C-alpha atoms as a PDB file:
ATOM      1  CA  MET A   1     -18.615 -36.052 -22.002  1.00  0.00           C
ATOM      2  CA  ASN A   2     -18.254 -33.595 -24.952  1.00  0.00           C
ATOM      3  CA  LEU A   3     -15.077 -31.001 -24.806  1.00  0.00           C
ATOM      4  CA  THR A   4     -17.550 -28.177 -24.037  1.00  0.00           C
ATOM      5  CA  LYS A   5     -18.821 -29.781 -20.973  1.00  0.00           C
ATOM      6  CA  LEU A   6     -15.529 -30.809 -19.755  1.00  0.00           C
ATOM      7  CA  PHE A   7     -14.181 -27.376 -20.274  1.00  0.00           C
ATOM      8  CA  ALA A   8     -17.336 -25.715 -18.437  1.00  0.00           C
ATOM      9  CA  ALA A   9     -16.687 -28.483 -15.524  1.00  0.00           C
ATOM     10  CA  LEU A  10     -13.133 -27.517 -15.366  1.00  0.00           C
ATOM     11  CA  ILE A  11     -14.146 -23.672 -15.166  1.00  0.00           C
ATOM     12  CA  LEU A  12     -16.235 -24.923 -12.197  1.00  0.00           C
ATOM     13  CA  ILE A  13     -13.542 -26.190 -10.105  1.00  0.00           C
ATOM     14  CA  PRO A  14     -12.299 -23.127  -7.815  1.00  0.00           C
ATOM     15  CA  LEU A  15      -8.856 -22.259  -8.155  1.00  0.00           C
ATOM     16  CA  CYS A  16      -6.560 -23.340  -5.317  1.00  0.00           C
ATOM     17  CA  SER A  17      -4.702 -20.535  -3.396  1.00  0.00           C
ATOM     18  CA  LEU A  18      -1.937 -20.976  -0.721  1.00  0.00           C
ATOM     19  CA  ALA A  19      -2.768 -17.333   0.288  1.00  0.00           C
ATOM     20  CA  VAL A  20      -5.449 -16.843   2.955  1.00  0.00           C
ATOM     21  CA  PHE A  21      -8.338 -14.962   1.922  1.00  0.00           C
ATOM     22  CA  SER A  22     -10.509 -12.622   4.327  1.00  0.00           C
ATOM     23  CA  GLN A  23     -14.136 -12.730   3.646  1.00  0.00           C
ATOM     24  CA  THR A  24     -16.128  -9.838   2.683  1.00  0.00           C
ATOM     25  CA  GLY A  25     -18.779 -10.490   5.388  1.00  0.00           C
ATOM     26  CA  ASN A  26     -22.057  -8.677   5.138  1.00  0.00           C
ATOM     27  CA  GLU A  27     -20.474  -5.692   2.683  1.00  0.00           C
ATOM     28  CA  ARG A  28     -22.811  -6.818   0.060  1.00  0.00           C
ATOM     29  CA  SER A  29     -25.052  -3.706  -0.442  1.00  0.00           C
ATOM     30  CA  TYR A  30     -26.778  -5.245  -3.595  1.00  0.00           C
ATOM     31  CA  GLU A  31     -26.359  -8.042  -6.051  1.00  0.00           C
ATOM     32  CA  ASN A  32     -27.210  -6.844  -9.663  1.00  0.00           C
ATOM     33  CA  SER A  33     -27.965  -9.566 -12.262  1.00  0.00           C
ATOM     34  CA  TYR A  34     -28.660  -9.879 -15.827  1.00  0.00           C
ATOM     35  CA  ARG A  35     -31.027 -12.661 -17.215  1.00  0.00           C
ATOM     36  CA  GLY A  36     -30.006 -14.637 -13.975  1.00  0.00           C
ATOM     37  CA  VAL A  37     -26.271 -14.083 -14.371  1.00  0.00           C
ATOM     38  CA  SER A  38     -24.604 -12.610 -11.048  1.00  0.00           C
ATOM     39  CA  LEU A  39     -21.281 -10.925 -10.322  1.00  0.00           C
ATOM     40  CA  THR A  40     -20.124 -11.162  -6.965  1.00  0.00           C
ATOM     41  CA  VAL A  41     -17.486 -10.650  -4.447  1.00  0.00           C
ATOM     42  CA  VAL A  42     -15.889 -13.784  -3.254  1.00  0.00           C
ATOM     43  CA  SER A  43     -12.888 -12.578  -1.130  1.00  0.00           C
ATOM     44  CA  GLN A  44     -10.063  -9.955  -0.725  1.00  0.00           C
ATOM     45  CA  ARG A  45      -6.397 -10.481   0.274  1.00  0.00           C
ATOM     46  CA  TRP A  46      -3.235  -8.375   0.130  1.00  0.00           C
ATOM     47  CA  ILE A  47      -0.723  -8.277  -2.348  1.00  0.00           C
ATOM     48  CA  PRO A  48       2.835  -9.112  -0.598  1.00  0.00           C
ATOM     49  CA  LYS A  49       4.878  -6.092  -0.659  1.00  0.00           C
ATOM     50  CA  ASP A  50       7.490  -8.045  -2.988  1.00  0.00           C
ATOM     51  CA  LYS A  51       5.051  -8.953  -5.593  1.00  0.00           C
ATOM     52  CA  VAL A  52       3.277  -5.556  -6.242  1.00  0.00           C
ATOM     53  CA  PRO A  53       2.455  -5.150  -9.879  1.00  0.00           C
ATOM     54  CA  TYR A  54       4.920  -3.821 -12.220  1.00  0.00           C
ATOM     55  CA  ILE A  55       5.779  -0.187 -12.575  1.00  0.00           C
ATOM     56  CA  GLY A  56       6.682   1.063 -15.632  1.00  0.00           C
ATOM     57  CA  VAL A  57       7.522   4.337 -17.673  1.00  0.00           C
ATOM     58  CA  ASP A  58       5.043   7.158 -16.798  1.00  0.00           C
ATOM     59  CA  VAL A  59       2.803   4.389 -14.940  1.00  0.00           C
ATOM     60  CA  ILE A  60       2.039   4.339 -11.191  1.00  0.00           C
ATOM     61  CA  ASP A  61       0.152   1.173 -10.044  1.00  0.00           C
ATOM     62  CA  PHE A  62      -0.993   1.670  -6.407  1.00  0.00           C
ATOM     63  CA  SER A  63      -2.693  -1.621  -6.393  1.00  0.00           C
ATOM     64  CA  ASP A  64      -2.399  -3.332  -3.165  1.00  0.00           C
ATOM     65  CA  VAL A  65      -5.359  -5.587  -2.943  1.00  0.00           C
ATOM     66  CA  ILE A  66      -6.372  -8.788  -4.697  1.00  0.00           C
ATOM     67  CA  VAL A  67     -10.202  -9.165  -4.701  1.00  0.00           C
ATOM     68  CA  LYS A  68     -11.952 -12.147  -5.973  1.00  0.00           C
ATOM     69  CA  PHE A  69     -14.978 -12.411  -7.878  1.00  0.00           C
ATOM     70  CA  ARG A  70     -17.495 -15.131  -9.070  1.00  0.00           C
ATOM     71  CA  LEU A  71     -19.440 -14.628 -12.437  1.00  0.00           C
ATOM     72  CA  GLU A  72     -22.448 -17.164 -12.016  1.00  0.00           C
ATOM     73  CA  ASN A  73     -25.326 -18.072 -14.649  1.00  0.00           C
ATOM     74  CA  ARG A  74     -27.976 -19.307 -12.347  1.00  0.00           C
ATOM     75  CA  GLY A  75     -30.561 -18.367 -15.148  1.00  0.00           C
ATOM     76  CA  ASN A  76     -32.053 -20.606 -17.735  1.00  0.00           C
ATOM     77  CA  GLN A  77     -30.531 -19.340 -20.883  1.00  0.00           C
ATOM     78  CA  ASP A  78     -26.950 -19.073 -22.290  1.00  0.00           C
ATOM     79  CA  VAL A  79     -25.362 -15.866 -21.857  1.00  0.00           C
ATOM     80  CA  TYR A  80     -22.097 -14.739 -23.154  1.00  0.00           C
ATOM     81  CA  TYR A  81     -19.349 -12.794 -21.305  1.00  0.00           C
ATOM     82  CA  LEU A  82     -16.432 -10.666 -22.874  1.00  0.00           C
ATOM     83  CA  ALA A  83     -12.821 -12.056 -22.515  1.00  0.00           C
ATOM     84  CA  ASP A  84      -9.286 -11.107 -22.647  1.00  0.00           C
ATOM     85  CA  ASP A  85      -8.122 -12.469 -25.872  1.00  0.00           C
ATOM     86  CA  ALA A  86      -4.562 -12.914 -24.317  1.00  0.00           C
ATOM     87  CA  ILE A  87      -3.533 -16.579 -24.643  1.00  0.00           C
ATOM     88  CA  SER A  88      -7.036 -17.247 -25.087  1.00  0.00           C
ATOM     89  CA  SER A  89      -7.849 -16.464 -21.688  1.00  0.00           C
ATOM     90  CA  VAL A  90     -11.114 -17.071 -19.939  1.00  0.00           C
ATOM     91  CA  VAL A  91     -11.215 -14.101 -17.444  1.00  0.00           C
ATOM     92  CA  PRO A  92     -13.765 -11.515 -18.040  1.00  0.00           C
ATOM     93  CA  VAL A  93     -12.770  -7.718 -19.133  1.00  0.00           C
ATOM     94  CA  GLY A  94     -14.071  -4.792 -17.524  1.00  0.00           C
ATOM     95  CA  PHE A  95     -13.311  -2.144 -15.222  1.00  0.00           C
ATOM     96  CA  GLN A  96     -12.711  -1.631 -11.537  1.00  0.00           C
ATOM     97  CA  VAL A  97     -15.011   1.370 -10.480  1.00  0.00           C
ATOM     98  CA  SER A  98     -15.307   3.433  -7.276  1.00  0.00           C
ATOM     99  CA  ARG A  99     -17.581   5.871  -6.035  1.00  0.00           C
ATOM    100  CA  GLY A 100     -17.669   7.965  -2.659  1.00  0.00           C
ATOM    101  CA  ALA A 101     -21.170   7.594  -2.051  1.00  0.00           C
ATOM    102  CA  ARG A 102     -24.294   5.586  -3.323  1.00  0.00           C
ATOM    103  CA  GLN A 103     -25.797   8.350  -5.380  1.00  0.00           C
ATOM    104  CA  THR A 104     -22.647   9.173  -7.214  1.00  0.00           C
ATOM    105  CA  GLU A 105     -21.634   8.012 -10.447  1.00  0.00           C
ATOM    106  CA  TRP A 106     -19.070   4.817 -10.703  1.00  0.00           C
ATOM    107  CA  GLU A 107     -15.664   6.114 -12.093  1.00  0.00           C
ATOM    108  CA  GLY A 108     -12.917   3.907 -13.462  1.00  0.00           C
ATOM    109  CA  THR A 109     -10.112   3.215 -10.965  1.00  0.00           C
ATOM    110  CA  TYR A 110      -7.480   3.020 -13.691  1.00  0.00           C
ATOM    111  CA  SER A 111      -9.179   4.124 -17.067  1.00  0.00           C
ATOM    112  CA  PRO A 112     -11.077   7.009 -17.741  1.00  0.00           C
ATOM    113  CA  ALA A 113     -12.066   5.141 -20.996  1.00  0.00           C
ATOM    114  CA  ARG A 114     -15.306   3.467 -19.210  1.00  0.00           C
ATOM    115  CA  GLY A 115     -18.300   4.420 -21.075  1.00  0.00           C
ATOM    116  CA  ARG A 116     -16.564   5.498 -24.167  1.00  0.00           C
ATOM    117  CA  GLU A 117     -17.671   4.085 -27.408  1.00  0.00           C
ATOM    118  CA  GLY A 118     -15.979   0.954 -28.855  1.00  0.00           C
ATOM    119  CA  ILE A 119     -13.985   0.260 -25.504  1.00  0.00           C
ATOM    120  CA  PHE A 120     -13.196  -3.383 -25.471  1.00  0.00           C
ATOM    121  CA  THR A 121     -13.978  -4.350 -28.995  1.00  0.00           C
ATOM    122  CA  GLY A 122     -11.602  -5.701 -31.948  1.00  0.00           C
ATOM    123  CA  VAL A 123      -8.766  -8.261 -31.792  1.00  0.00           C
ATOM    124  CA  GLY A 124      -8.009  -7.967 -28.110  1.00  0.00           C
ATOM    125  CA  VAL A 125     -11.153  -9.264 -26.868  1.00  0.00           C
ATOM    126  CA  HIS A 126     -13.559 -12.482 -27.575  1.00  0.00           C
ATOM    127  CA  TRP A 127     -17.025 -13.621 -26.257  1.00  0.00           C
ATOM    128  CA  LEU A 128     -17.281 -16.838 -24.175  1.00  0.00           C
ATOM    129  CA  LEU A 129     -20.140 -19.053 -23.466  1.00  0.00           C
ATOM    130  CA  LEU A 130     -21.620 -19.148 -19.945  1.00  0.00           C
ATOM    131  CA  PRO A 131     -24.181 -21.669 -19.945  1.00  0.00           C
ATOM    132  CA  PRO A 132     -26.909 -21.875 -17.243  1.00  0.00           C
ATOM    133  CA  GLY A 133     -25.332 -23.663 -14.075  1.00  0.00           C
ATOM    134  CA  SER A 134     -21.842 -22.664 -14.629  1.00  0.00           C
ATOM    135  CA  ALA A 135     -19.477 -20.095 -13.300  1.00  0.00           C
ATOM    136  CA  VAL A 136     -15.850 -18.348 -13.711  1.00  0.00           C
ATOM    137  CA  GLU A 137     -14.076 -16.996 -10.940  1.00  0.00           C
ATOM    138  CA  PHE A 138     -11.472 -14.456 -11.404  1.00  0.00           C
ATOM    139  CA  GLU A 139      -9.397 -11.855  -9.667  1.00  0.00           C
ATOM    140  CA  ARG A 140      -8.588  -8.154 -10.103  1.00  0.00           C
ATOM    141  CA  GLU A 141      -6.282  -5.894  -8.446  1.00  0.00           C
ATOM    142  CA  ASP A 142      -7.482  -2.811  -6.504  1.00  0.00           C
ATOM    143  CA  VAL A 143      -6.232  -0.114  -4.361  1.00  0.00           C
ATOM    144  CA  SER A 144      -7.020   0.058  -0.525  1.00  0.00           C
ATOM    145  CA  ASN A 145      -6.262   3.871  -0.212  1.00  0.00           C
ATOM    146  CA  LYS A 146      -9.600   4.866  -2.295  1.00  0.00           C
ATOM    147  CA  ARG A 147     -12.252   5.524  -0.010  1.00  0.00           C
ATOM    148  CA  GLY A 148     -16.042   4.731  -0.673  1.00  0.00           C
ATOM    149  CA  GLU A 149     -17.499   1.881  -2.301  1.00  0.00           C
ATOM    150  CA  HIS A 150     -15.855  -0.464  -5.036  1.00  0.00           C
ATOM    151  CA  ALA A 151     -16.975  -2.767  -7.594  1.00  0.00           C
ATOM    152  CA  THR A 152     -15.891  -4.470 -10.528  1.00  0.00           C
ATOM    153  CA  THR A 153     -17.928  -4.749 -14.185  1.00  0.00           C
ATOM    154  CA  VAL A 154     -17.920  -7.268 -16.905  1.00  0.00           C
ATOM    155  CA  TYR A 155     -19.626  -7.041 -20.309  1.00  0.00           C
ATOM    156  CA  LEU A 156     -22.500  -9.717 -21.143  1.00  0.00           C
ATOM    157  CA  ASN A 157     -24.879 -10.266 -23.983  1.00  0.00           C
ATOM    158  CA  ILE A 158     -27.094 -12.985 -25.113  1.00  0.00           C
ATOM    159  CA  GLU A 159     -25.511 -13.250 -28.299  1.00  0.00           C
ATOM    160  CA  PRO A 160     -21.799 -13.348 -28.891  1.00  0.00           C
ATOM    161  CA  GLU A 161     -21.737  -9.603 -30.181  1.00  0.00           C
ATOM    162  CA  HIS A 162     -20.947  -5.927 -29.296  1.00  0.00           C
ATOM    163  CA  LYS A 163     -24.259  -4.925 -30.252  1.00  0.00           C
ATOM    164  CA  ASN A 164     -26.989  -4.348 -27.454  1.00  0.00           C
ATOM    165  CA  ARG A 165     -24.165  -5.701 -24.567  1.00  0.00           C
ATOM    166  CA  VAL A 166     -24.655  -4.958 -20.998  1.00  0.00           C
ATOM    167  CA  GLU A 167     -21.953  -4.024 -18.495  1.00  0.00           C
ATOM    168  CA  LEU A 168     -22.975  -5.652 -15.183  1.00  0.00           C
ATOM    169  CA  VAL A 169     -21.504  -4.190 -11.982  1.00  0.00           C
ATOM    170  CA  SER A 170     -20.816  -6.411  -9.285  1.00  0.00           C
ATOM    171  CA  ASN A 171     -21.994  -6.025  -5.565  1.00  0.00           C
ATOM    172  CA  THR A 172     -20.069  -3.467  -3.902  1.00  0.00           C
ATOM    173  CA  TYR A 173     -17.257  -3.977  -1.101  1.00  0.00           C
ATOM    174  CA  ARG A 174     -14.845  -1.706   0.644  1.00  0.00           C
ATOM    175  CA  PRO A 175     -11.178  -2.902   0.223  1.00  0.00           C
ATOM    176  CA  LEU A 176      -9.171  -4.397   3.361  1.00  0.00           C
ATOM    177  CA  ARG A 177      -7.652  -1.504   5.230  1.00  0.00           C
ATOM    178  CA  ARG A 178      -4.144  -2.115   6.774  1.00  0.00           C
ATOM    179  CA  VAL A 179      -3.876  -1.959  10.559  1.00  0.00           C
ATOM    180  CA  MET A 180      -1.285  -0.034  11.879  1.00  0.00           C
ATOM    181  CA  SER A 181       0.645  -1.306  14.791  1.00  0.00           C
ATOM    182  CA  ARG A 182       1.645   1.111  17.499  1.00  0.00           C
ATOM    183  CA  LYS A 183       5.222   0.375  18.702  1.00  0.00           C
END
């Protein structure tokens, strides 16, 4: 077994987690795909209050939910996805997006940079092969207080290059809601 196949097999093994995930149920309003590659919501869970994301100078992060996604190549040809270059990460780059209604445009939850020319190019990212039959599961933080549909995006291409890349939007979900107990 060569190293590429071994690496792909390791990616396919789901990451074990001690946290309890709540399933998204039938919230899937559609599933987008690109050449047989799909991006779907697997689960959601709360971020424990003592583990909230770092809040730095002039940065306020209201993330309180972690959403797990699955990027899967069910097609019959190689596809490449864009990944973060931090410590040779296999996690796809993209945006958390939301919209108030199905007919409206997606807006970046954390960044107004979505749609700008040259976003996610340069030394901070690299292309990784997603061969047929393989998948990558990854997590992204989200905010539960933003109403409407939510999704995430990744960048795909049939060649490891930025020219003609496609931004794939996942199926939609609605973030978990906290149930307030009455005392």
